[in-house]
Protein backbone atom coordinates (compact mmCIF):
# COMPACT_ATOMS: atom_id res chain seq x y z
CA GLU A 1 -47.89 -13.01 -73.26
CA PHE A 2 -49.83 -9.78 -73.61
CA SER A 3 -46.98 -8.14 -75.54
CA ASP A 4 -44.88 -8.97 -78.61
CA SER A 5 -42.38 -6.21 -77.81
CA ILE A 6 -40.90 -7.76 -74.65
CA LYS A 7 -38.23 -10.43 -74.77
CA ILE A 8 -37.88 -12.43 -71.56
CA GLY A 9 -34.24 -13.03 -70.74
CA LYS A 10 -34.73 -15.00 -67.52
CA TYR A 11 -37.83 -16.06 -65.63
CA CYS A 12 -37.22 -16.84 -61.94
CA ALA A 13 -40.22 -18.51 -60.35
CA ARG A 14 -41.40 -20.41 -57.28
CA SER A 15 -38.75 -18.96 -54.99
CA SER A 16 -39.08 -16.82 -51.89
CA ILE A 17 -36.64 -13.94 -51.45
CA ILE A 18 -35.72 -15.55 -48.13
CA SER A 19 -34.67 -18.71 -49.97
CA ALA A 20 -33.07 -16.96 -52.96
CA VAL A 21 -30.37 -15.30 -50.85
CA ALA A 22 -29.82 -18.21 -48.42
CA PRO A 23 -26.80 -20.56 -48.72
CA PRO A 24 -27.24 -23.48 -51.15
CA ALA A 25 -28.64 -26.67 -49.70
CA ALA A 26 -26.05 -29.33 -48.86
CA MET A 27 -25.52 -31.92 -51.60
CA ASP A 28 -26.57 -34.61 -49.13
CA THR A 29 -29.94 -32.86 -48.77
CA ILE A 30 -30.33 -32.38 -52.53
CA ASN A 31 -29.42 -36.00 -53.28
CA LYS A 32 -31.97 -37.27 -50.77
CA LEU A 33 -34.84 -35.35 -52.35
CA GLU A 34 -37.10 -37.76 -54.24
CA LEU A 35 -39.01 -36.23 -57.14
CA LYS A 36 -41.83 -37.96 -58.98
CA LYS A 37 -41.20 -39.14 -62.53
CA ASP A 38 -44.05 -37.11 -64.02
CA ILE A 39 -42.56 -33.77 -62.96
CA ARG A 40 -42.45 -31.21 -65.77
CA PRO A 41 -39.05 -29.90 -66.90
CA PHE A 42 -39.97 -26.34 -65.90
CA HIS A 43 -40.97 -27.44 -62.41
CA ARG A 44 -37.78 -29.48 -62.08
CA ARG A 45 -35.76 -26.41 -63.05
CA VAL A 46 -37.35 -24.08 -60.49
CA ILE A 47 -36.93 -26.64 -57.70
CA ASP A 48 -33.26 -27.14 -58.62
CA GLU A 49 -32.65 -23.39 -58.80
CA ASP A 50 -34.26 -22.89 -55.41
CA LEU A 51 -32.10 -25.61 -53.83
CA HIS A 52 -28.84 -24.59 -55.51
CA LYS A 53 -29.60 -20.81 -55.29
CA THR A 54 -28.59 -20.30 -58.93
CA ALA A 55 -31.61 -18.34 -60.23
CA LEU A 56 -29.99 -14.91 -59.86
CA GLN A 57 -26.72 -15.95 -61.52
CA ALA A 58 -28.12 -15.77 -65.05
CA LEU A 59 -29.53 -12.23 -64.88
CA ASP A 60 -28.36 -10.06 -67.77
CA ALA A 61 -26.92 -6.76 -66.55
CA LYS A 62 -28.25 -4.98 -69.66
CA ASN A 63 -31.88 -5.87 -69.00
CA ILE A 64 -34.37 -4.46 -66.54
CA LEU A 65 -35.56 -6.61 -63.65
CA ILE A 66 -39.25 -6.89 -62.73
CA VAL A 67 -40.00 -8.32 -59.30
CA ASP A 68 -43.05 -9.10 -57.23
CA PHE A 69 -43.40 -10.90 -53.92
CA MET A 70 -46.44 -13.09 -54.48
CA GLU A 71 -44.37 -16.23 -53.90
CA GLU A 72 -44.05 -15.13 -50.27
CA ARG A 73 -47.53 -16.62 -49.87
CA VAL A 74 -46.05 -20.11 -49.41
CA PRO A 75 -44.11 -21.50 -46.43
CA VAL A 76 -40.33 -21.38 -46.15
CA GLY A 77 -38.63 -24.51 -44.85
CA LEU A 78 -35.55 -24.67 -42.64
CA THR A 79 -33.67 -27.72 -43.89
CA LEU A 80 -31.79 -30.27 -41.82
CA CYS A 81 -28.59 -28.80 -43.27
CA GLY A 82 -29.50 -25.35 -41.92
CA THR A 83 -30.53 -23.35 -44.98
CA TYR A 84 -33.89 -22.06 -46.18
CA ILE A 85 -35.85 -23.37 -49.15
CA THR A 86 -39.22 -22.43 -50.62
CA TYR A 87 -41.79 -25.07 -49.81
CA SER A 88 -43.73 -24.24 -52.96
CA ARG A 89 -46.82 -26.05 -54.16
CA VAL A 90 -44.66 -27.52 -56.90
CA LEU A 91 -42.24 -29.01 -54.36
CA ASN A 92 -45.14 -30.26 -52.26
CA LYS A 93 -46.82 -31.86 -55.29
CA TYR A 94 -43.81 -33.52 -56.92
CA SER A 95 -41.66 -34.56 -53.95
CA SER A 96 -42.44 -37.68 -51.96
CA ASN A 97 -40.17 -36.79 -49.03
CA GLY A 98 -39.73 -33.00 -49.08
CA LYS A 99 -41.06 -32.44 -45.56
CA GLN A 100 -38.74 -35.11 -44.18
CA LEU A 101 -35.74 -32.96 -45.15
CA LEU A 102 -36.92 -30.04 -43.01
CA GLN A 103 -36.37 -29.16 -39.36
CA ARG A 104 -39.49 -27.00 -39.41
CA MET A 105 -41.68 -24.77 -41.53
CA ILE A 106 -42.01 -20.97 -41.31
CA GLN A 107 -45.53 -19.95 -42.22
CA PRO A 108 -46.12 -17.04 -44.65
CA TYR A 109 -46.89 -13.63 -43.14
CA SER A 110 -45.96 -14.83 -39.64
CA ASP A 111 -43.79 -12.62 -37.41
CA GLU A 112 -40.78 -14.84 -38.12
CA HIS A 113 -41.40 -14.70 -41.87
CA ILE A 114 -41.56 -10.89 -41.76
CA GLU A 115 -38.30 -10.73 -39.82
CA LEU A 116 -36.56 -13.09 -42.26
CA PHE A 117 -37.85 -11.25 -45.33
CA LEU A 118 -36.78 -7.80 -44.12
CA ALA A 119 -33.26 -9.13 -43.54
CA ALA A 120 -33.22 -11.01 -46.85
CA ILE A 121 -34.30 -8.06 -49.01
CA ASP A 122 -31.14 -6.14 -48.08
CA ARG A 123 -29.00 -9.11 -49.16
CA PHE A 124 -31.07 -9.41 -52.34
CA ALA A 125 -30.41 -5.73 -53.09
CA LYS A 126 -26.65 -6.28 -52.72
CA LYS A 127 -26.79 -9.25 -55.09
CA ILE A 128 -28.46 -7.29 -57.89
CA GLY A 129 -26.35 -4.15 -57.37
CA ASP A 130 -27.32 -1.11 -59.43
CA LYS A 131 -29.62 -2.98 -61.80
CA ASN A 132 -32.72 -1.06 -62.86
CA VAL A 133 -35.60 -2.68 -60.94
CA PHE A 134 -39.32 -2.29 -61.53
CA ILE A 135 -41.27 -3.39 -58.47
CA HIS A 136 -44.65 -4.78 -59.44
CA LYS A 137 -46.74 -4.11 -56.34
CA ALA A 138 -48.92 -7.16 -56.83
CA LEU A 139 -51.53 -7.55 -54.09
CA TYR A 140 -54.39 -9.95 -53.41
CA ALA A 141 -57.64 -9.20 -55.20
CA LYS A 142 -60.90 -9.28 -53.28
CA THR A 143 -62.75 -12.59 -53.51
CA ASN A 144 -64.97 -13.94 -50.78
CA GLN A 145 -62.07 -12.94 -48.49
CA GLU A 146 -60.61 -9.52 -47.82
CA PHE A 147 -56.89 -10.52 -47.44
CA LYS A 148 -56.35 -7.36 -45.37
CA LYS A 149 -53.46 -8.78 -43.31
CA GLU A 150 -51.73 -10.30 -46.36
CA ASN A 151 -51.92 -7.05 -48.34
CA GLU A 152 -50.66 -4.99 -45.40
CA ILE A 153 -47.61 -7.24 -45.03
CA LEU A 154 -46.98 -7.37 -48.79
CA SER A 155 -47.18 -3.56 -48.88
CA LEU A 156 -44.54 -3.46 -46.15
CA TYR A 157 -42.34 -5.79 -48.22
CA TYR A 158 -42.68 -3.61 -51.33
CA GLU A 159 -41.97 -0.44 -49.36
CA ARG A 160 -38.82 -1.96 -47.85
CA ALA A 161 -37.67 -3.21 -51.27
CA ALA A 162 -38.05 0.26 -52.79
CA GLN A 163 -35.81 1.60 -50.03
CA ALA A 164 -33.23 -1.19 -50.42
CA PHE A 165 -32.77 -1.13 -54.21
CA SER A 166 -30.43 1.52 -55.57
CA LYS A 167 -32.56 2.02 -58.71
CA SER A 168 -36.23 1.17 -58.40
CA THR A 169 -39.61 2.20 -59.75
CA VAL A 170 -42.86 0.98 -58.20
CA ILE A 171 -45.75 0.04 -60.47
CA GLU A 172 -49.08 -0.38 -58.71
CA VAL A 173 -52.03 -1.04 -60.98
CA ASP A 174 -55.18 0.82 -59.93
CA ALA A 175 -57.24 -1.24 -57.49
CA ALA A 176 -60.23 -0.93 -59.84
CA PHE A 177 -58.48 -3.44 -62.13
CA ARG A 178 -57.28 -5.73 -59.31
CA ILE A 179 -60.06 -8.25 -59.79
CA SER A 180 -59.67 -12.01 -59.59
CA ASN A 181 -60.51 -13.88 -62.81
CA PRO A 182 -62.37 -17.14 -62.05
CA GLY A 183 -61.73 -18.33 -65.62
CA HIS A 184 -57.98 -17.63 -65.58
CA ARG A 185 -55.87 -20.15 -67.50
CA TRP A 186 -53.68 -20.83 -64.46
CA GLY A 187 -56.70 -21.31 -62.18
CA ALA A 188 -58.90 -19.14 -59.97
CA ALA A 189 -56.79 -17.34 -57.36
CA PRO A 190 -56.70 -13.85 -55.78
CA TYR A 191 -53.40 -13.19 -57.63
CA HIS A 192 -54.69 -14.29 -61.08
CA TYR A 193 -56.30 -11.13 -62.38
CA ILE A 194 -58.65 -10.10 -65.19
CA ASP A 195 -57.01 -9.35 -68.55
CA GLU A 196 -57.31 -5.57 -68.20
CA TYR A 197 -55.05 -5.65 -65.13
CA TYR A 198 -52.13 -6.94 -67.20
CA ARG A 199 -52.76 -4.40 -69.97
CA GLN A 200 -52.73 -1.60 -67.41
CA PHE A 201 -49.46 -2.94 -66.02
CA LEU A 202 -47.88 -2.86 -69.50
CA LYS A 203 -49.11 0.69 -70.05
CA GLU A 204 -47.45 1.85 -66.83
CA LEU A 205 -44.27 -0.13 -67.53
CA SER A 206 -44.08 1.47 -70.96
CA GLN A 207 -44.55 4.98 -69.55
CA LYS A 208 -42.14 4.61 -66.63
CA SER A 209 -39.42 2.71 -68.51
CA GLY A 210 -39.58 4.63 -71.79
CA MET A 211 -39.45 1.32 -73.70
CA ARG A 212 -42.57 1.87 -75.86
CA ILE A 213 -44.15 -1.45 -74.99
CA SER A 214 -47.11 -2.45 -77.12
CA TYR A 215 -49.83 -4.82 -76.00
CA LYS A 216 -52.29 -7.08 -77.80
CA LYS A 217 -55.85 -5.86 -77.31
CA ASN A 218 -57.47 -9.17 -78.24
CA PHE A 219 -55.24 -11.48 -76.19
CA SER A 220 -56.88 -13.19 -73.23
CA LEU A 221 -55.81 -15.46 -70.39
CA GLN A 222 -59.19 -17.13 -70.29
CA LYS A 223 -58.99 -20.95 -70.22
CA GLU A 224 -60.61 -21.34 -73.63
CA SER A 225 -58.13 -18.93 -75.26
CA THR A 226 -55.11 -20.70 -76.79
CA PRO A 227 -53.32 -18.30 -79.18
CA SER A 228 -50.30 -19.30 -81.23
CA ARG A 229 -47.94 -17.36 -78.95
CA TYR A 230 -49.09 -19.45 -75.99
CA LYS A 231 -48.27 -22.61 -77.94
CA LYS A 232 -44.73 -21.29 -78.43
CA ILE A 233 -44.41 -20.51 -74.73
CA LYS A 234 -45.76 -23.96 -73.89
CA LYS A 235 -42.79 -25.45 -75.74
CA TYR A 236 -40.46 -23.54 -73.41
CA PHE A 237 -42.09 -25.09 -70.36
CA SER A 238 -41.96 -28.57 -71.90
CA ARG A 239 -38.40 -28.71 -73.19
CA PRO A 240 -35.95 -31.15 -71.55
CA TYR A 241 -33.94 -29.86 -68.62
CA ASN A 242 -30.44 -31.08 -67.86
CA THR A 243 -29.50 -31.13 -64.18
């Protein structure tokens, strides 16, 4: 949203790396999942992609891939059919029986989660092959909590990913800009940063990729800011989704 010079080919969201490389959920499990009628098309899509493990299939080999591991903040569920799914806030909010389809839940940043992630990142690297990957080293911003443990584990994940990918560049925005924005459009959270953070990220992406990426100086992700480009993006999130 901060740039007019980037075209998004595919946006994969709400999925843990552990889930993304796991076997698809059994059709019996998928058919039993009950989703509420008011679920948004975008949220329905990301839940379906996480269950069917289809998100990575649509990646264009010609484009660069930007990854971060902030979705590892949510639990991973071991289903009754024996695969892993992301128990995202979206799934928790819009499913009436999601937990009933699980054997158990693996909590984020637990020892088991770390073990599963480190194994999964190698399989993820094999899936994407020699694609040019930019690793956005997104970490928690300081709020009234320090998030020391979370950032240490995330740093481990990013370090392991850089080793696993055949072509990778790490982009870590200076900590001086890693500040939580209480008025962020998507809500106050330690991973929703001030506007300058995103501009700094684009500057570094432009320099390290050689793509000459421009950014809009007056764009803001404050709640009261609703530019025309956001209205266009909003249409993307609202369009019908065919299962």
